[in-house]
Amino acid sequence: MYDTEMKLNHQILQFLEFQVQALLPSSEERKETSSVTDENQDSPEVIIPEMMLSLLVQYLSGLKAINCLLNRGYVSQTRGIFQTLGDDYEDIIFLSLPSQEGVVSPLHQSYLNNSADDSCSNPVNRREIRNMIRRAKKINQNVFQLHSNQQVFQVLRTQGAKHSSVDVAIDLHRHFAYKAILLAVLTAKVSENMEVMRACLNYRAHLEMIAPNAVEFKMPEPRRHQPITAAPRVAAITP
């Protein structure tokens, strides 16, 4: 139904799937990894790249799920998935910081411990993750912009007409697909896969030229309701 509007979104996803396949370890690399001692396997240097790649795969799965829902007209059902994508986006940026800054912070260690323990009832505070990303000196804040998940719920609300909400969801899907390219750059950088990193950077530059609306998603302004004023009452004139 929305194939024409979603055409570029499909192209971005196809490109990303190919790059993610290139990031997945080959059978030979898996054999080499299995020969590493248990102590090294538990080190952040080994765990973090694997976790970033796992989150990136999950992120792409979310994009494909949204794609299916939009093609069938189920716009409101995409909101929860968009929220999950926002969390995954922040987590991948957060996990890239130790590689770029050379320090595994206590917050990162807590995140890794909680991820390894499914029964953990004290997850890392998302506000702390966002604050660390904003303070990071190695992250270009103009490129890796964060936004509140609450905004996602706001822009997907029906804005007076059903088609307007669909248009917003398609644009937002394209923007999250663009963000996936940025996440692939970070994941490839941490994994030291320069070939994938260069391919993603080149595609990002290409996308910025042909689809600037994907690079910078502008939140629709909420409709302003005109205040309702009571009609002035005129006193009846009696003879």
Protein backbone atom coordinates (compact mmCIF):
# COMPACT_ATOMS: atom_id res chain seq x y z
CA MET A 1 0.00 0.00 0.00
CA TYR A 2 2.84 2.34 0.87
CA ASP A 3 5.48 0.78 -1.39
CA THR A 4 6.19 4.03 -3.22
CA GLU A 5 6.65 6.05 -0.02
CA MET A 6 8.70 3.26 1.59
CA LYS A 7 10.97 2.63 -1.43
CA LEU A 8 14.00 4.44 0.01
CA ASN A 9 13.41 2.82 3.40
CA HIS A 10 13.60 -0.61 1.73
CA GLN A 11 16.84 0.32 -0.02
CA ILE A 12 18.46 1.44 3.23
CA LEU A 13 17.45 -1.79 4.97
CA GLN A 14 18.85 -3.91 2.13
CA PHE A 15 22.17 -2.07 2.34
CA LEU A 16 22.31 -2.50 6.12
CA GLU A 17 21.50 -6.21 6.01
CA PHE A 18 24.43 -6.76 3.65
CA GLN A 19 26.79 -4.81 5.92
CA VAL A 20 25.63 -6.63 9.05
CA GLN A 21 26.31 -9.95 7.33
CA ALA A 22 29.84 -8.72 6.68
CA LEU A 23 30.22 -7.91 10.39
CA LEU A 24 29.11 -11.36 11.53
CA PRO A 25 32.09 -13.60 12.30
CA SER A 26 32.98 -16.27 9.77
CA SER A 27 33.30 -19.93 10.70
CA GLU A 28 37.10 -19.58 10.89
CA GLU A 29 36.81 -16.59 13.19
CA ARG A 30 34.40 -18.51 15.42
CA LYS A 31 36.94 -21.33 15.69
CA GLU A 32 39.61 -18.84 16.70
CA THR A 33 37.29 -17.29 19.25
CA SER A 34 36.48 -20.67 20.77
CA SER A 35 40.19 -21.26 21.37
CA VAL A 36 40.47 -18.12 23.48
CA THR A 37 40.65 -18.70 27.23
CA ASP A 38 37.51 -18.24 29.31
CA GLU A 39 39.12 -15.28 31.06
CA ASN A 40 39.56 -13.38 27.80
CA GLN A 41 36.06 -14.30 26.62
CA ASP A 42 34.62 -12.52 29.64
CA SER A 43 36.65 -9.36 29.10
CA PRO A 44 34.87 -6.15 27.99
CA GLU A 45 37.07 -6.03 24.88
CA VAL A 46 35.43 -9.25 23.67
CA ILE A 47 31.93 -8.83 25.09
CA ILE A 48 31.24 -5.24 23.99
CA PRO A 49 31.67 -5.72 20.20
CA GLU A 50 29.53 -8.87 20.33
CA MET A 51 26.84 -7.06 22.33
CA MET A 52 26.84 -4.09 19.96
CA LEU A 53 26.41 -6.39 16.97
CA SER A 54 23.59 -8.26 18.71
CA LEU A 55 21.81 -4.98 19.44
CA LEU A 56 22.31 -3.85 15.84
CA VAL A 57 20.72 -7.06 14.55
CA GLN A 58 17.84 -6.52 16.97
CA TYR A 59 17.52 -2.93 15.76
CA LEU A 60 17.23 -4.05 12.13
CA SER A 61 14.62 -6.63 13.12
CA GLY A 62 12.60 -3.81 14.68
CA LEU A 63 12.85 -1.76 11.49
CA LYS A 64 11.60 -4.71 9.44
CA ALA A 65 8.73 -5.27 11.87
CA ILE A 66 7.69 -1.61 11.52
CA ASN A 67 7.96 -1.99 7.75
CA CYS A 68 5.47 -4.88 7.81
CA LEU A 69 3.05 -3.01 10.08
CA LEU A 70 3.10 0.14 7.95
CA ASN A 71 2.52 -1.84 4.77
CA ARG A 72 -0.66 -3.16 6.37
CA GLY A 73 -1.76 0.20 7.77
CA TYR A 74 -1.16 -0.62 11.44
CA VAL A 75 0.38 2.72 12.39
CA SER A 76 -0.43 2.91 16.11
CA GLN A 77 1.11 -0.54 16.68
CA THR A 78 4.53 0.78 15.66
CA ARG A 79 4.92 3.08 18.65
CA GLY A 80 6.21 0.46 21.06
CA ILE A 81 8.76 -0.78 18.52
CA PHE A 82 9.95 2.77 17.87
CA GLN A 83 10.50 3.14 21.61
CA THR A 84 12.60 -0.04 21.68
CA LEU A 85 14.64 1.25 18.73
CA GLY A 86 15.34 4.44 20.67
CA ASP A 87 16.68 2.40 23.60
CA ASP A 88 18.82 0.20 21.34
CA TYR A 89 20.20 3.29 19.62
CA GLU A 90 21.32 4.76 22.94
CA ASP A 91 22.75 1.45 24.15
CA ILE A 92 24.95 0.94 21.08
CA ILE A 93 26.36 4.47 21.32
CA PHE A 94 26.92 3.96 25.05
CA LEU A 95 28.74 0.65 24.50
CA SER A 96 31.05 2.24 21.91
CA LEU A 97 32.45 4.75 24.42
CA PRO A 98 35.03 2.49 26.15
CA SER A 99 36.64 1.65 22.79
CA GLN A 100 36.81 5.32 21.81
CA GLU A 101 37.80 6.76 25.17
CA GLY A 102 39.91 3.85 26.41
CA VAL A 103 38.09 3.49 29.74
CA VAL A 104 35.49 0.98 30.90
CA SER A 105 33.49 3.05 33.37
CA PRO A 106 31.72 1.58 36.43
CA LEU A 107 28.45 2.31 34.62
CA HIS A 108 29.57 0.20 31.66
CA GLN A 109 30.66 -2.61 33.96
CA SER A 110 27.29 -2.50 35.69
CA TYR A 111 25.54 -2.60 32.30
CA LEU A 112 27.58 -5.65 31.23
CA ASN A 113 26.91 -7.43 34.53
CA ASN A 114 23.18 -6.78 34.30
CA SER A 115 23.07 -7.95 30.68
CA ALA A 116 24.77 -11.21 31.65
CA ASP A 117 22.33 -11.76 34.54
CA ASP A 118 18.75 -12.05 33.28
CA SER A 119 17.47 -12.21 36.86
CA CYS A 120 18.97 -8.84 37.76
CA SER A 121 16.27 -6.55 39.18
CA ASN A 122 18.36 -3.36 39.19
CA PRO A 123 18.99 -2.34 35.57
CA VAL A 124 21.17 0.62 34.66
CA ASN A 125 19.26 3.90 34.77
CA ARG A 126 18.58 5.11 31.22
CA ARG A 127 19.01 8.71 32.28
CA GLU A 128 22.56 7.90 33.39
CA ILE A 129 23.28 6.35 29.98
CA ARG A 130 22.03 9.45 28.18
CA ASN A 131 24.02 11.77 30.43
CA MET A 132 27.23 9.83 29.80
CA ILE A 133 26.65 9.99 26.03
CA ARG A 134 26.06 13.73 26.19
CA ARG A 135 29.29 14.21 28.16
CA ALA A 136 31.34 12.02 25.81
CA LYS A 137 34.03 13.97 23.96
CA LYS A 138 34.52 11.38 21.21
CA ILE A 139 30.90 11.44 20.04
CA ASN A 140 29.77 14.06 17.54
CA GLN A 141 26.64 15.35 19.25
CA ASN A 142 25.42 16.98 16.04
CA VAL A 143 25.42 13.61 14.27
CA PHE A 144 24.44 11.21 17.04
CA GLN A 145 21.50 13.17 18.36
CA LEU A 146 19.39 11.78 21.17
CA HIS A 147 15.71 12.43 21.56
CA SER A 148 13.08 11.57 24.10
CA ASN A 149 11.01 8.46 23.45
CA GLN A 150 8.01 10.49 24.53
CA GLN A 151 8.36 12.45 21.29
CA VAL A 152 7.88 9.26 19.30
CA PHE A 153 4.53 8.66 20.97
CA GLN A 154 3.58 12.27 20.36
CA VAL A 155 4.34 12.36 16.62
CA LEU A 156 2.50 9.10 15.95
CA ARG A 157 -0.75 10.28 17.45
CA THR A 158 -3.46 10.98 14.96
CA GLN A 159 -3.16 14.61 13.99
CA GLY A 160 -6.65 15.31 12.74
CA ALA A 161 -6.44 12.92 9.79
CA LYS A 162 -5.33 9.31 9.54
CA HIS A 163 -3.03 9.86 6.54
CA SER A 164 -0.98 12.51 8.39
CA SER A 165 -0.06 10.00 11.08
CA VAL A 166 0.98 7.51 8.38
CA ASP A 167 3.20 10.10 6.71
CA VAL A 168 4.90 10.87 10.02
CA ALA A 169 5.48 7.15 10.71
CA ILE A 170 7.05 6.61 7.28
CA ASP A 171 9.36 9.61 7.72
CA LEU A 172 10.27 8.46 11.22
CA HIS A 173 10.99 4.95 9.96
CA ARG A 174 13.35 6.41 7.35
CA HIS A 175 15.08 8.49 10.02
CA PHE A 176 15.58 5.45 12.27
CA ALA A 177 16.96 3.56 9.27
CA TYR A 178 19.45 6.40 8.77
CA LYS A 179 20.39 6.11 12.44
CA ALA A 180 21.07 2.41 11.83
CA ILE A 181 23.77 3.43 9.35
CA LEU A 182 25.42 5.47 12.10
CA LEU A 183 25.17 2.51 14.48
CA ALA A 184 26.77 0.27 11.85
CA VAL A 185 29.65 2.75 11.61
CA LEU A 186 30.22 2.57 15.37
CA THR A 187 29.90 -1.22 15.47
CA ALA A 188 32.34 -1.64 12.59
CA LYS A 189 34.77 0.78 14.22
CA VAL A 190 34.75 -1.07 17.55
CA SER A 191 35.03 -4.40 15.70
CA GLU A 192 37.95 -2.96 13.68
CA ASN A 193 36.23 -3.74 10.38
CA MET A 194 37.38 -0.77 8.33
CA GLU A 195 35.82 -2.06 5.09
CA VAL A 196 32.29 -2.02 6.50
CA MET A 197 32.96 1.28 8.22
CA ARG A 198 34.03 2.97 4.97
CA ALA A 199 31.06 1.51 3.08
CA CYS A 200 28.63 2.88 5.69
CA LEU A 201 30.28 6.31 5.72
CA ASN A 202 30.07 6.52 1.93
CA TYR A 203 26.43 5.46 1.95
CA ARG A 204 25.68 7.98 4.68
CA ALA A 205 27.16 10.77 2.54
CA HIS A 206 25.09 9.56 -0.43
CA LEU A 207 21.92 9.52 1.67
CA GLU A 208 22.53 13.02 2.98
CA MET A 209 22.51 14.28 -0.61
CA ILE A 210 19.45 12.44 -1.89
CA ALA A 211 17.28 12.43 1.27
CA PRO A 212 18.10 15.28 3.67
CA ASN A 213 14.78 14.69 5.45
CA ALA A 214 16.09 11.31 6.63
CA VAL A 215 19.18 12.90 8.16
CA GLU A 216 17.32 15.44 10.27
CA PHE A 217 13.81 14.42 11.23
CA LYS A 218 11.78 17.47 12.23
CA MET A 219 9.14 16.86 14.82
CA PRO A 220 5.72 17.99 13.56
CA GLU A 221 4.45 20.96 15.49
CA PRO A 222 1.39 20.17 17.59
CA ARG A 223 -1.81 21.69 16.34
CA ARG A 224 -2.84 24.76 18.21
CA HIS A 225 -6.45 24.84 19.21
CA GLN A 226 -8.23 28.15 19.06
CA PRO A 227 -9.51 29.19 22.47
CA ILE A 228 -13.25 28.94 22.79
CA THR A 229 -14.75 32.16 24.02
CA ALA A 230 -18.31 32.67 25.07
CA ALA A 231 -20.39 35.06 23.04
CA PRO A 232 -20.93 38.38 24.83
CA ARG A 233 -24.20 38.59 26.54
CA VAL A 234 -26.35 41.60 25.85
CA ALA A 235 -28.75 42.62 28.49
CA ALA A 236 -32.30 42.70 27.28
CA ILE A 237 -33.73 46.18 27.07
CA THR A 238 -37.17 46.39 28.47
CA PRO A 239 -39.45 49.30 27.83
